[in-house]
Amino acid sequence: MQIRLTAPLTREAIAGLHAGDSVLLSGVIYTARDAAHARLCAALAQGEPLPVELKEQTIFYAGPTPPPPGKPTGAIGPTTSVRMDAYTPQLLRYGVNALIGKGGRTQPVQDALKECGAVYFAAIGGCAAYMAACVERCDVVAYDDLGTESIKRLVVRDMPLTVAMDMHGGDAYQDGMAAYAASRQENG
């Protein structure tokens, strides 16, 4: 069964999610990658306002390619999340409540997810054209000079995701490795 969610996500919606849940996400999300994260965290460290309000918002670690004629965006796939891990705890403490990327996260990020009551979704890597079909609108909202890595406001419909890490400490990556190890011992 897939859980249908609408972003921005409420605290109640996040609290009901558990590692391994399948989700179809619709609504407003924002893209941001390495360079944008560095600028956002520098602004926060200097007490400056962010160029776009990200409290209670979802950040998708992606940099969509330019759109073909008649489409809101080109290919848009997740980038490796650990590249943002140096910045993520600060943004979670600021108020970002959901993240989308691919791959595992470091312990400080896992701790910040629990501390802040946030969730990390895994998107399917290698399916950038499919993910682009979920985007109904794409607008640059900050750091236009970064090109594909600028911050974009996306309106998405039924974007398929998996809850990789929940606010309760659940970790689908660890659970999957444990299940695999157990099956290897049983079949041994």
Protein backbone atom coordinates (compact mmCIF):
# COMPACT_ATOMS: atom_id res chain seq x y z
CA MET A 1 0.00 0.00 0.00
CA GLN A 2 1.27 3.46 -0.85
CA ILE A 3 0.69 6.41 1.43
CA ARG A 4 -0.45 9.59 -0.31
CA LEU A 5 1.04 12.76 1.14
CA THR A 6 0.80 16.44 0.25
CA ALA A 7 3.73 18.79 0.82
CA PRO A 8 4.35 20.84 2.78
CA LEU A 9 4.08 18.01 5.26
CA THR A 10 2.45 18.39 8.65
CA ARG A 11 4.08 17.17 11.85
CA GLU A 12 1.25 14.61 12.16
CA ALA A 13 1.90 13.21 8.69
CA ILE A 14 5.61 12.85 9.42
CA ALA A 15 4.97 11.19 12.79
CA GLY A 16 2.89 8.50 11.07
CA LEU A 17 5.68 7.48 8.69
CA HIS A 18 7.98 4.53 9.27
CA ALA A 19 11.14 3.37 7.50
CA GLY A 20 10.21 1.26 4.50
CA ASP A 21 6.82 2.91 3.85
CA SER A 22 6.04 3.62 0.18
CA VAL A 23 4.83 7.14 -0.48
CA LEU A 24 3.34 9.10 -3.37
CA LEU A 25 4.18 12.75 -2.71
CA SER A 26 2.28 15.64 -4.26
CA GLY A 27 2.48 19.36 -3.58
CA VAL A 28 5.29 21.91 -3.27
CA ILE A 29 8.93 20.91 -2.72
CA TYR A 30 12.25 22.70 -3.28
CA THR A 31 15.43 21.55 -5.00
CA ALA A 32 18.84 22.30 -3.48
CA ARG A 33 22.23 20.71 -3.97
CA ASP A 34 25.75 21.27 -2.63
CA ALA A 35 26.35 24.89 -3.64
CA ALA A 36 22.89 26.03 -2.56
CA HIS A 37 23.27 24.23 0.79
CA ALA A 38 26.57 26.01 1.41
CA ARG A 39 24.96 29.39 0.72
CA LEU A 40 21.89 28.65 2.84
CA CYS A 41 24.00 27.60 5.82
CA ALA A 42 26.32 30.59 5.43
CA ALA A 43 23.29 32.90 5.51
CA LEU A 44 21.97 31.18 8.64
CA ALA A 45 25.38 31.38 10.33
CA GLN A 46 25.49 35.13 9.63
CA GLY A 47 21.95 35.66 10.91
CA GLU A 48 20.69 36.63 7.46
CA PRO A 49 17.24 35.69 6.16
CA LEU A 50 17.10 32.88 3.64
CA PRO A 51 16.18 33.84 0.06
CA VAL A 52 13.21 31.45 0.27
CA GLU A 53 11.36 30.34 3.39
CA LEU A 54 12.18 26.68 4.03
CA LYS A 55 10.58 26.14 7.45
CA GLU A 56 8.34 23.06 7.33
CA GLN A 57 9.36 22.44 3.71
CA THR A 58 10.80 19.51 1.77
CA ILE A 59 14.20 19.71 0.06
CA PHE A 60 14.89 17.44 -2.91
CA TYR A 61 18.60 16.93 -3.55
CA ALA A 62 18.36 17.42 -7.30
CA GLY A 63 19.39 19.77 -10.07
CA PRO A 64 16.93 19.40 -12.94
CA THR A 65 18.25 19.74 -16.46
CA PRO A 66 16.82 22.44 -18.74
CA PRO A 67 13.31 21.64 -19.94
CA PRO A 68 12.52 20.42 -23.43
CA PRO A 69 9.82 22.41 -25.25
CA GLY A 70 6.45 22.18 -23.52
CA LYS A 71 7.75 20.56 -20.33
CA PRO A 72 8.32 22.19 -16.92
CA THR A 73 11.69 20.50 -16.43
CA GLY A 74 14.16 18.14 -17.98
CA ALA A 75 15.47 15.05 -16.27
CA ILE A 76 15.45 15.29 -12.48
CA GLY A 77 16.98 12.55 -10.40
CA PRO A 78 18.25 12.46 -6.83
CA THR A 79 21.88 13.15 -6.07
CA THR A 80 23.83 11.29 -3.39
CA SER A 81 22.56 12.66 -0.10
CA VAL A 82 25.71 12.26 1.97
CA ARG A 83 27.16 15.18 -0.01
CA MET A 84 24.76 17.45 1.92
CA ASP A 85 25.36 15.87 5.34
CA ALA A 86 27.68 18.64 6.57
CA TYR A 87 24.80 21.11 6.12
CA THR A 88 21.75 19.00 6.88
CA PRO A 89 21.62 19.15 10.70
CA GLN A 90 21.71 22.97 10.58
CA LEU A 91 18.86 23.09 8.06
CA LEU A 92 16.80 20.57 10.02
CA ARG A 93 17.26 22.65 13.17
CA TYR A 94 16.21 25.71 11.18
CA GLY A 95 12.93 23.96 10.39
CA VAL A 96 13.20 21.93 7.17
CA ASN A 97 11.11 18.84 7.93
CA ALA A 98 11.64 16.50 4.97
CA LEU A 99 14.49 15.56 2.65
CA ILE A 100 14.59 13.58 -0.61
CA GLY A 101 17.74 11.99 -2.00
CA LYS A 102 19.46 8.66 -2.41
CA GLY A 103 21.76 6.62 -0.23
CA GLY A 104 22.45 6.38 3.48
CA ARG A 105 23.15 9.26 5.85
CA THR A 106 25.75 9.90 8.54
CA GLN A 107 24.99 9.56 12.23
CA PRO A 108 24.72 13.34 12.83
CA VAL A 109 21.96 13.52 10.21
CA GLN A 110 20.16 10.52 11.69
CA ASP A 111 20.36 12.14 15.12
CA ALA A 112 19.05 15.46 13.76
CA LEU A 113 16.12 13.71 12.05
CA LYS A 114 15.05 12.29 15.43
CA GLU A 115 15.78 15.51 17.33
CA CYS A 116 13.82 17.67 14.89
CA GLY A 117 11.02 15.24 14.05
CA ALA A 118 11.89 15.11 10.35
CA VAL A 119 11.89 12.43 7.65
CA TYR A 120 14.28 11.38 4.87
CA PHE A 121 12.81 9.91 1.70
CA ALA A 122 14.75 7.86 -0.83
CA ALA A 123 14.02 8.48 -4.50
CA ILE A 124 14.83 5.99 -7.19
CA GLY A 125 18.25 6.70 -8.69
CA GLY A 126 18.57 6.27 -12.45
CA CYS A 127 14.94 7.20 -13.16
CA ALA A 128 15.39 10.91 -13.82
CA ALA A 129 13.05 10.95 -16.85
CA TYR A 130 10.33 9.19 -14.86
CA MET A 131 10.76 11.59 -11.93
CA ALA A 132 10.49 14.54 -14.35
CA ALA A 133 7.07 13.26 -15.40
CA CYS A 134 5.92 13.89 -11.80
CA VAL A 135 6.83 17.61 -12.02
CA GLU A 136 3.94 19.86 -13.00
CA ARG A 137 5.72 23.19 -12.49
CA CYS A 138 9.30 24.36 -11.92
CA ASP A 139 10.32 27.91 -10.99
CA VAL A 140 13.73 29.25 -9.98
CA VAL A 141 13.32 30.96 -6.59
CA ALA A 142 16.92 31.57 -5.45
CA TYR A 143 20.56 31.53 -6.56
CA ASP A 144 19.80 31.75 -10.29
CA ASP A 145 23.55 32.11 -10.91
CA LEU A 146 23.98 28.44 -9.95
CA GLY A 147 22.19 27.25 -13.09
CA THR A 148 20.87 23.72 -12.69
CA GLU A 149 21.87 23.88 -9.01
CA SER A 150 19.76 26.97 -8.29
CA ILE A 151 16.95 26.51 -5.79
CA LYS A 152 13.74 25.68 -7.59
CA ARG A 153 10.17 25.48 -6.36
CA LEU A 154 8.55 22.37 -7.81
CA VAL A 155 4.93 21.38 -7.87
CA VAL A 156 4.88 17.59 -8.04
CA ARG A 157 2.20 14.97 -8.40
CA ASP A 158 2.51 11.38 -7.19
CA MET A 159 6.30 11.35 -6.90
CA PRO A 160 7.18 7.78 -5.78
CA LEU A 161 9.39 7.70 -2.68
CA THR A 162 10.34 5.36 0.13
CA VAL A 163 10.74 6.43 3.74
CA ALA A 164 14.44 5.75 4.21
CA MET A 165 14.74 7.22 7.73
CA ASP A 166 11.91 8.22 9.99
CA MET A 167 11.67 10.50 13.02
CA HIS A 168 11.55 7.46 15.32
CA GLY A 169 15.05 6.29 14.42
CA GLY A 170 13.94 3.75 11.82
CA ASP A 171 16.42 3.20 8.99
CA ALA A 172 15.35 1.23 5.90
CA TYR A 173 18.96 0.85 4.79
CA GLN A 174 20.01 -0.78 8.08
CA ASP A 175 16.83 -2.86 8.21
CA GLY A 176 17.47 -4.12 4.68
CA MET A 177 21.07 -5.07 5.44
CA ALA A 178 20.00 -6.85 8.64
CA ALA A 179 17.30 -8.81 6.80
CA TYR A 180 19.79 -9.79 4.10
CA ALA A 181 22.37 -10.94 6.68
CA ALA A 182 19.71 -12.96 8.50
CA SER A 183 18.58 -14.65 5.28
CA ARG A 184 22.18 -15.53 4.43
CA GLN A 185 22.60 -17.22 7.82
CA GLU A 186 19.34 -19.14 7.44
CA ASN A 187 20.25 -20.32 3.95
CA GLY A 188 23.77 -20.77 4.84
